[in-house]
Every structure is written in structure tokens, then in C-alpha cells.
């Protein structure tokens, strides 16, 4: 992770924006969120903004738009694919147990599942497709998608941003080399992702 942060901070800003936006998009599109670390990418982007490598307003705009478009893509895949998605190869890899949990989550929270699902990795990947499969009106879906995507993307990016800002201030106060801040931020990102994965895994056992 330390090497990843060092590499990311040395990359051109436009490339960092592009990669972060793409990862945020595929995190929410169909089932790709089970593989691609979109949330970790946004957190890393926030750290880079906090250390001065990226512009925070630009990053927030990209993150929000990518999150909303990603869920919309998942919705369209579910709407056109229907229940056949479950019997497809990716659907079988997800497994009946996970599908059942996502369906129960959607029934429990109704339209607000689109918002609440943003904060749980498995639900973030499956709820948009389920909304499309159940033919939720797109205008209604888009409303809750915009609310959830905006809140989620903003919270994750700002979490990374304040972590990066804190370590930059600490670096300045101590007069340390920049690798100290990079290493500390890397540890924070790694710890956050690890805790989120453990919490998600326990809740879906």
C-alpha cells in the first residue's frame, strides 16, 4: 500500500482522476464491486487531495458522478437481464445465499435500499441490479441513487482527505520527510479497508 500511494502521488493528476473515477464507476456497476476496490480508490483519492496532489472539489465531482452512473449501469443491466442474471455465470459465482440476502435487504428497506446499500459492499454491488430486475421506475431509482451516491462518495473522499491533511500537518510540525506521511496514510487506508471487509464478511456469514 505504501508503494501504491507513492506511485499514485507521482502520477499525473488527470490520470489519477481517471483511474479513481473508473474504479468508483465499476464498484457500483453490476457485480464488479465484489472485485474492484472502488471505495478504497475514493479513500486514496481523498488522501491525495489532503496531501495537495489532487484538487478536492474536482475529485468530489468526479466521485459523485461516477458513483451515480455506476449504479445506473447496474440498474440497466438488471432491467434488461432480468432474473436470467442469477443463472448466468457471474450470477452463479455470487451464489444463492448472497442473492437471498440482497433480496431480503431490498424488501426490508424498500426504495431506501438504494441509499442504505451504498454503505455495504455486497449490497452496493447487487441492489442496483435488483432494482432493475424488479422494474423499479427509473426516475424513482435515480432520485435515491443520487442521494446515496452523493452521500457515500462525499463521505469516503472526505474521510481520506482529512486523514491526508492531518498527516501533512504532522509532517510539517515534525519536519519529517514526505515518506513518513505517505506511510502513515497508507497504514490508515489499509486499516480502514481491512476493518470494512471484516465487518462486511461477518454480517453476511
Protein backbone atom coordinates (compact mmCIF):
# COMPACT_ATOMS: atom_id res chain seq x y z
CA UNK A 1 0.00 0.00 0.00
CA UNK A 2 2.89 2.35 0.74
CA UNK A 3 4.25 1.78 -2.75
CA UNK A 4 0.75 2.31 -4.19
CA UNK A 5 0.43 5.71 -2.53
CA UNK A 6 3.90 6.72 -3.63
CA UNK A 7 3.11 5.69 -7.21
CA UNK A 8 -0.27 7.44 -7.15
CA UNK A 9 1.24 10.67 -5.85
CA UNK A 10 3.79 10.67 -8.67
CA UNK A 11 1.21 10.07 -11.42
CA UNK A 12 -0.25 12.98 -13.43
CA UNK A 13 -3.38 14.41 -11.82
CA UNK A 14 -5.54 13.67 -14.87
CA UNK A 15 -4.54 10.01 -14.76
CA UNK A 16 -5.32 9.77 -11.05
CA UNK A 17 -8.75 11.33 -11.62
CA UNK A 18 -9.42 8.91 -14.48
CA UNK A 19 -8.45 5.77 -12.56
CA UNK A 20 -10.31 6.81 -9.41
CA UNK A 21 -13.42 7.68 -11.42
CA UNK A 22 -13.34 4.38 -13.30
CA UNK A 23 -12.94 2.36 -10.11
CA UNK A 24 -15.80 4.24 -8.46
CA UNK A 25 -17.93 3.53 -11.52
CA UNK A 26 -17.25 -0.21 -11.73
CA UNK A 27 -17.65 -0.55 -7.94
CA UNK A 28 -21.34 0.11 -8.43
CA UNK A 29 -21.88 -1.33 -11.91
CA UNK A 30 -23.47 -4.80 -11.91
CA UNK A 31 -21.42 -7.16 -9.72
CA UNK A 32 -18.00 -5.68 -10.35
CA UNK A 33 -17.99 -4.10 -6.89
CA UNK A 34 -17.30 -7.55 -5.49
CA UNK A 35 -13.87 -7.39 -7.17
CA UNK A 36 -12.81 -3.79 -7.80
CA UNK A 37 -11.97 -1.65 -4.73
CA UNK A 38 -13.89 1.49 -5.68
CA UNK A 39 -14.30 2.57 -2.07
CA UNK A 40 -10.59 2.18 -1.41
CA UNK A 41 -9.86 4.17 -4.59
CA UNK A 42 -12.01 7.08 -3.38
CA UNK A 43 -10.36 6.95 0.03
CA UNK A 44 -6.94 7.00 -1.60
CA UNK A 45 -8.04 9.91 -3.79
CA UNK A 46 -9.09 11.79 -0.68
CA UNK A 47 -5.68 11.19 0.88
CA UNK A 48 -4.02 12.53 -2.28
CA UNK A 49 -6.25 15.61 -2.16
CA UNK A 50 -5.40 16.11 1.51
CA UNK A 51 -1.68 16.00 0.74
CA UNK A 52 -2.07 18.50 -2.10
CA UNK A 53 -1.73 16.17 -5.10
CA UNK A 54 -5.35 16.46 -6.26
CA UNK A 55 -8.00 19.18 -6.16
CA UNK A 56 -10.74 18.31 -3.68
CA UNK A 57 -13.75 19.90 -5.50
CA UNK A 58 -12.74 18.24 -8.78
CA UNK A 59 -12.28 14.88 -7.06
CA UNK A 60 -15.63 15.14 -5.29
CA UNK A 61 -17.41 15.95 -8.55
CA UNK A 62 -15.81 13.00 -10.35
CA UNK A 63 -16.54 10.63 -7.45
CA UNK A 64 -20.22 11.61 -7.19
CA UNK A 65 -20.87 11.43 -10.94
CA UNK A 66 -19.03 8.11 -11.27
CA UNK A 67 -20.96 6.59 -8.34
CA UNK A 68 -24.34 7.65 -9.75
CA UNK A 69 -23.51 6.48 -13.27
CA UNK A 70 -22.21 3.16 -11.91
CA UNK A 71 -25.47 2.42 -10.11
CA UNK A 72 -27.42 3.45 -13.19
CA UNK A 73 -25.41 0.96 -15.25
CA UNK A 74 -26.19 -1.77 -12.72
CA UNK A 75 -29.87 -0.86 -12.87
CA UNK A 76 -29.94 -1.13 -16.67
CA UNK A 77 -28.18 -4.49 -16.60
CA UNK A 78 -30.75 -5.78 -14.13
CA UNK A 79 -33.67 -4.34 -16.10
CA UNK A 80 -32.63 -5.87 -19.41
CA UNK A 81 -31.15 -9.07 -18.00
CA UNK A 82 -33.97 -9.84 -15.56
CA UNK A 83 -33.93 -12.99 -13.45
CA UNK A 84 -31.69 -14.66 -16.04
CA UNK A 85 -28.79 -12.79 -14.44
CA UNK A 86 -28.94 -15.11 -11.44
CA UNK A 87 -28.43 -18.16 -13.63
CA UNK A 88 -25.62 -16.56 -15.62
CA UNK A 89 -22.03 -17.44 -14.82
CA UNK A 90 -21.39 -14.27 -12.75
CA UNK A 91 -24.74 -14.77 -11.01
CA UNK A 92 -23.87 -18.34 -10.05
CA UNK A 93 -20.49 -17.22 -8.74
CA UNK A 94 -22.26 -14.79 -6.41
CA UNK A 95 -24.30 -17.68 -5.03
CA UNK A 96 -27.90 -18.11 -3.94
CA UNK A 97 -27.13 -17.13 -0.34
CA UNK A 98 -25.84 -13.71 -1.31
CA UNK A 99 -28.73 -13.14 -3.71
CA UNK A 100 -31.16 -14.05 -0.94
CA UNK A 101 -29.52 -11.63 1.49
CA UNK A 102 -29.61 -8.83 -1.07
CA UNK A 103 -33.28 -9.51 -1.85
CA UNK A 104 -34.17 -9.55 1.85
CA UNK A 105 -32.27 -6.29 2.33
CA UNK A 106 -34.19 -4.72 -0.57
CA UNK A 107 -37.56 -5.89 0.74
CA UNK A 108 -36.76 -4.61 4.22
CA UNK A 109 -35.67 -1.12 3.18
CA UNK A 110 -37.77 -0.63 0.05
CA UNK A 111 -36.68 2.31 -2.08
CA UNK A 112 -34.25 3.37 0.61
CA UNK A 113 -32.26 0.18 -0.02
CA UNK A 114 -30.66 2.07 -2.91
CA UNK A 115 -29.33 4.59 -0.37
CA UNK A 116 -28.59 2.22 2.52
CA UNK A 117 -26.95 -0.34 0.24
CA UNK A 118 -24.22 2.15 -0.58
CA UNK A 119 -22.62 1.53 2.80
CA UNK A 120 -22.37 -2.27 2.49
CA UNK A 121 -20.03 -3.71 -0.12
CA UNK A 122 -22.22 -6.64 -1.16
CA UNK A 123 -25.38 -4.54 -1.33
CA UNK A 124 -23.60 -1.80 -3.26
CA UNK A 125 -22.87 -4.35 -5.96
CA UNK A 126 -26.25 -6.11 -6.08
CA UNK A 127 -29.01 -3.67 -5.10
CA UNK A 128 -28.88 -1.60 -8.34
CA UNK A 129 -29.29 -4.74 -10.44
CA UNK A 130 -32.12 -5.95 -8.21
CA UNK A 131 -33.85 -2.58 -8.59
CA UNK A 132 -33.71 -3.03 -12.33
CA UNK A 133 -34.85 -6.66 -12.15
CA UNK A 134 -37.91 -5.68 -10.10
CA UNK A 135 -38.65 -2.86 -12.57
CA UNK A 136 -38.45 -0.04 -10.07
CA UNK A 137 -39.34 3.14 -12.04
CA UNK A 138 -36.07 4.67 -13.18
CA UNK A 139 -36.99 8.19 -12.07
CA UNK A 140 -37.56 6.93 -8.56
CA UNK A 141 -34.38 4.87 -8.67
CA UNK A 142 -32.38 7.85 -9.94
CA UNK A 143 -33.59 10.02 -7.06
CA UNK A 144 -32.46 7.55 -4.38
CA UNK A 145 -29.35 6.73 -6.40
CA UNK A 146 -28.37 10.40 -6.48
CA UNK A 147 -28.92 10.75 -2.73
CA UNK A 148 -26.99 7.62 -1.85
CA UNK A 149 -24.20 8.14 -4.36
CA UNK A 150 -23.63 11.74 -3.33
CA UNK A 151 -23.56 10.97 0.40
CA UNK A 152 -21.35 7.89 0.03
CA UNK A 153 -18.82 9.41 -2.36
CA UNK A 154 -18.56 12.60 -0.33
CA UNK A 155 -18.13 10.79 3.00
CA UNK A 156 -15.44 8.42 1.69
CA UNK A 157 -13.47 11.11 -0.13
CA UNK A 158 -13.61 13.50 2.83
CA UNK A 159 -12.53 10.71 5.17
CA UNK A 160 -9.39 10.24 3.10
CA UNK A 161 -8.95 14.00 2.70
CA UNK A 162 -8.93 14.74 6.42
CA UNK A 163 -6.56 11.84 7.02
CA UNK A 164 -4.19 13.24 4.38
CA UNK A 165 -4.47 16.77 5.77
CA UNK A 166 -3.73 15.60 9.31
CA UNK A 167 -0.62 13.74 8.27
CA UNK A 168 0.58 16.66 6.15
CA UNK A 169 0.29 18.92 9.20
CA UNK A 170 2.10 16.37 11.31
CA UNK A 171 4.86 16.12 8.71
CA UNK A 172 5.27 19.90 8.73
CA UNK A 173 5.37 20.06 12.52
CA UNK A 174 7.96 17.30 12.81
CA UNK A 175 9.98 18.41 9.80
CA UNK A 176 9.95 14.80 8.58
CA UNK A 177 10.42 13.56 5.05
CA UNK A 178 7.30 13.07 2.94
CA UNK A 179 7.57 9.30 3.06
CA UNK A 180 6.54 9.42 6.73
CA UNK A 181 3.22 10.99 5.82
CA UNK A 182 2.78 8.62 2.89
CA UNK A 183 3.47 5.60 5.06
CA UNK A 184 1.11 6.76 7.79
CA UNK A 185 -1.66 7.48 5.29
CA UNK A 186 -1.09 4.08 3.70
CA UNK A 187 -1.49 2.40 7.08
CA UNK A 188 -4.73 4.30 7.66
CA UNK A 189 -6.12 3.29 4.28
CA UNK A 190 -5.14 -0.34 4.78
CA UNK A 191 -6.66 -0.44 8.28
CA UNK A 192 -9.92 1.14 7.07
CA UNK A 193 -10.31 -1.31 4.18
CA UNK A 194 -9.44 -4.30 6.41
CA UNK A 195 -11.99 -3.32 9.06
CA UNK A 196 -14.70 -2.73 6.45
CA UNK A 197 -14.07 -6.12 4.85
CA UNK A 198 -14.18 -7.92 8.20
CA UNK A 199 -17.39 -6.16 9.20
CA UNK A 200 -18.99 -6.93 5.83
CA UNK A 201 -17.88 -10.57 5.97
CA UNK A 202 -19.31 -11.06 9.48
CA UNK A 203 -22.63 -9.51 8.51
CA UNK A 204 -23.04 -11.84 5.54
CA UNK A 205 -21.97 -15.14 7.09
